[in-house]
Amino acid sequence: MKIVFRVTQESDGGYVAECLSHDIFTEGDSLDELRTNVREAVSAFFFDKPKPDHIGLLF
């Protein structure tokens, strides 16, 4: 399974990621922080289900 997040940059310089297929949202001050937060959010959302094989970020 693959899931994709749409990434937008906020006016303050931070980033927001919204999953296109599930109710998962997260944010980060940098792209590195955003990537980490996306992985953590996906892990938490799928804690009792099989996790996706691939996570994509769409800018």
C-alpha atoms as a PDB file:
ATOM      1  CA  MET A   1       0.000   0.000   0.000  1.00  0.00           C
ATOM      2  CA  LYS A   2       1.163   3.514  -0.812  1.00  0.00           C
ATOM      3  CA  ILE A   3      -0.146   6.752   0.671  1.00  0.00           C
ATOM      4  CA  VAL A   4       0.548  10.280  -0.508  1.00  0.00           C
ATOM      5  CA  PHE A   5       0.621  13.569   1.389  1.00  0.00           C
ATOM      6  CA  ARG A   6       0.106  16.989  -0.187  1.00  0.00           C
ATOM      7  CA  VAL A   7       2.685  19.390   1.280  1.00  0.00           C
ATOM      8  CA  THR A   8       2.164  23.150   1.449  1.00  0.00           C
ATOM      9  CA  GLN A   9       4.445  25.810   2.833  1.00  0.00           C
ATOM     10  CA  GLU A  10       2.910  28.192   5.342  1.00  0.00           C
ATOM     11  CA  SER A  11       3.536  31.939   5.299  1.00  0.00           C
ATOM     12  CA  ASP A  12       5.664  31.609   8.466  1.00  0.00           C
ATOM     13  CA  GLY A  13       8.011  29.186   6.677  1.00  0.00           C
ATOM     14  CA  GLY A  14       6.691  25.978   8.214  1.00  0.00           C
ATOM     15  CA  TYR A  15       5.150  23.082   6.301  1.00  0.00           C
ATOM     16  CA  VAL A  16       1.824  21.251   6.502  1.00  0.00           C
ATOM     17  CA  ALA A  17       1.203  17.737   5.158  1.00  0.00           C
ATOM     18  CA  GLU A  18      -2.282  16.360   4.479  1.00  0.00           C
ATOM     19  CA  CYS A  19      -2.826  12.754   3.447  1.00  0.00           C
ATOM     20  CA  LEU A  20      -4.917  12.452   0.278  1.00  0.00           C
ATOM     21  CA  SER A  21      -6.512   9.122   1.200  1.00  0.00           C
ATOM     22  CA  HIS A  22      -6.778   9.062   5.009  1.00  0.00           C
ATOM     23  CA  ASP A  23      -7.514  11.556   7.786  1.00  0.00           C
ATOM     24  CA  ILE A  24      -3.866  12.216   8.661  1.00  0.00           C
ATOM     25  CA  PHE A  25      -2.462  15.733   9.086  1.00  0.00           C
ATOM     26  CA  THR A  26       0.830  16.957  10.488  1.00  0.00           C
ATOM     27  CA  GLU A  27       3.217  19.892  10.308  1.00  0.00           C
ATOM     28  CA  GLY A  28       6.859  20.776  10.809  1.00  0.00           C
ATOM     29  CA  ASP A  29       9.118  23.812  10.948  1.00  0.00           C
ATOM     30  CA  SER A  30      11.508  22.305   8.365  1.00  0.00           C
ATOM     31  CA  LEU A  31      11.256  19.626   5.681  1.00  0.00           C
ATOM     32  CA  ASP A  32      13.325  17.238   7.803  1.00  0.00           C
ATOM     33  CA  GLU A  33      10.994  17.744  10.765  1.00  0.00           C
ATOM     34  CA  LEU A  34       7.964  17.337   8.492  1.00  0.00           C
ATOM     35  CA  ARG A  35       9.255  14.017   7.137  1.00  0.00           C
ATOM     36  CA  THR A  36       9.798  12.738  10.680  1.00  0.00           C
ATOM     37  CA  ASN A  37       6.349  13.916  11.756  1.00  0.00           C
ATOM     38  CA  VAL A  38       4.701  12.296   8.724  1.00  0.00           C
ATOM     39  CA  ARG A  39       6.308   8.940   9.564  1.00  0.00           C
ATOM     40  CA  GLU A  40       5.193   9.246  13.208  1.00  0.00           C
ATOM     41  CA  ALA A  41       1.643  10.256  12.227  1.00  0.00           C
ATOM     42  CA  VAL A  42       1.339   7.338   9.800  1.00  0.00           C
ATOM     43  CA  SER A  43       2.666   4.930  12.409  1.00  0.00           C
ATOM     44  CA  ALA A  44       0.148   6.203  14.964  1.00  0.00           C
ATOM     45  CA  PHE A  45      -2.772   6.104  12.497  1.00  0.00           C
ATOM     46  CA  PHE A  46      -1.979   2.520  11.445  1.00  0.00           C
ATOM     47  CA  PHE A  47      -0.970   1.299  14.924  1.00  0.00           C
ATOM     48  CA  ASP A  48      -3.378  -1.660  14.780  1.00  0.00           C
ATOM     49  CA  LYS A  49      -3.390  -2.182  10.983  1.00  0.00           C
ATOM     50  CA  PRO A  50      -0.771  -3.067   8.374  1.00  0.00           C
ATOM     51  CA  LYS A  51       1.368  -0.009   7.679  1.00  0.00           C
ATOM     52  CA  PRO A  52       1.896   1.386   4.162  1.00  0.00           C
ATOM     53  CA  ASP A  53       4.947   0.199   2.239  1.00  0.00           C
ATOM     54  CA  HIS A  54       5.584   3.651   0.808  1.00  0.00           C
ATOM     55  CA  ILE A  55       4.831   7.225   1.892  1.00  0.00           C
ATOM     56  CA  GLY A  56       4.971   9.887  -0.812  1.00  0.00           C
ATOM     57  CA  LEU A  57       5.166  13.661  -0.411  1.00  0.00           C
ATOM     58  CA  LEU A  58       3.627  15.776  -3.160  1.00  0.00           C
ATOM     59  CA  PHE A  59       4.886  19.369  -3.278  1.00  0.00           C
END
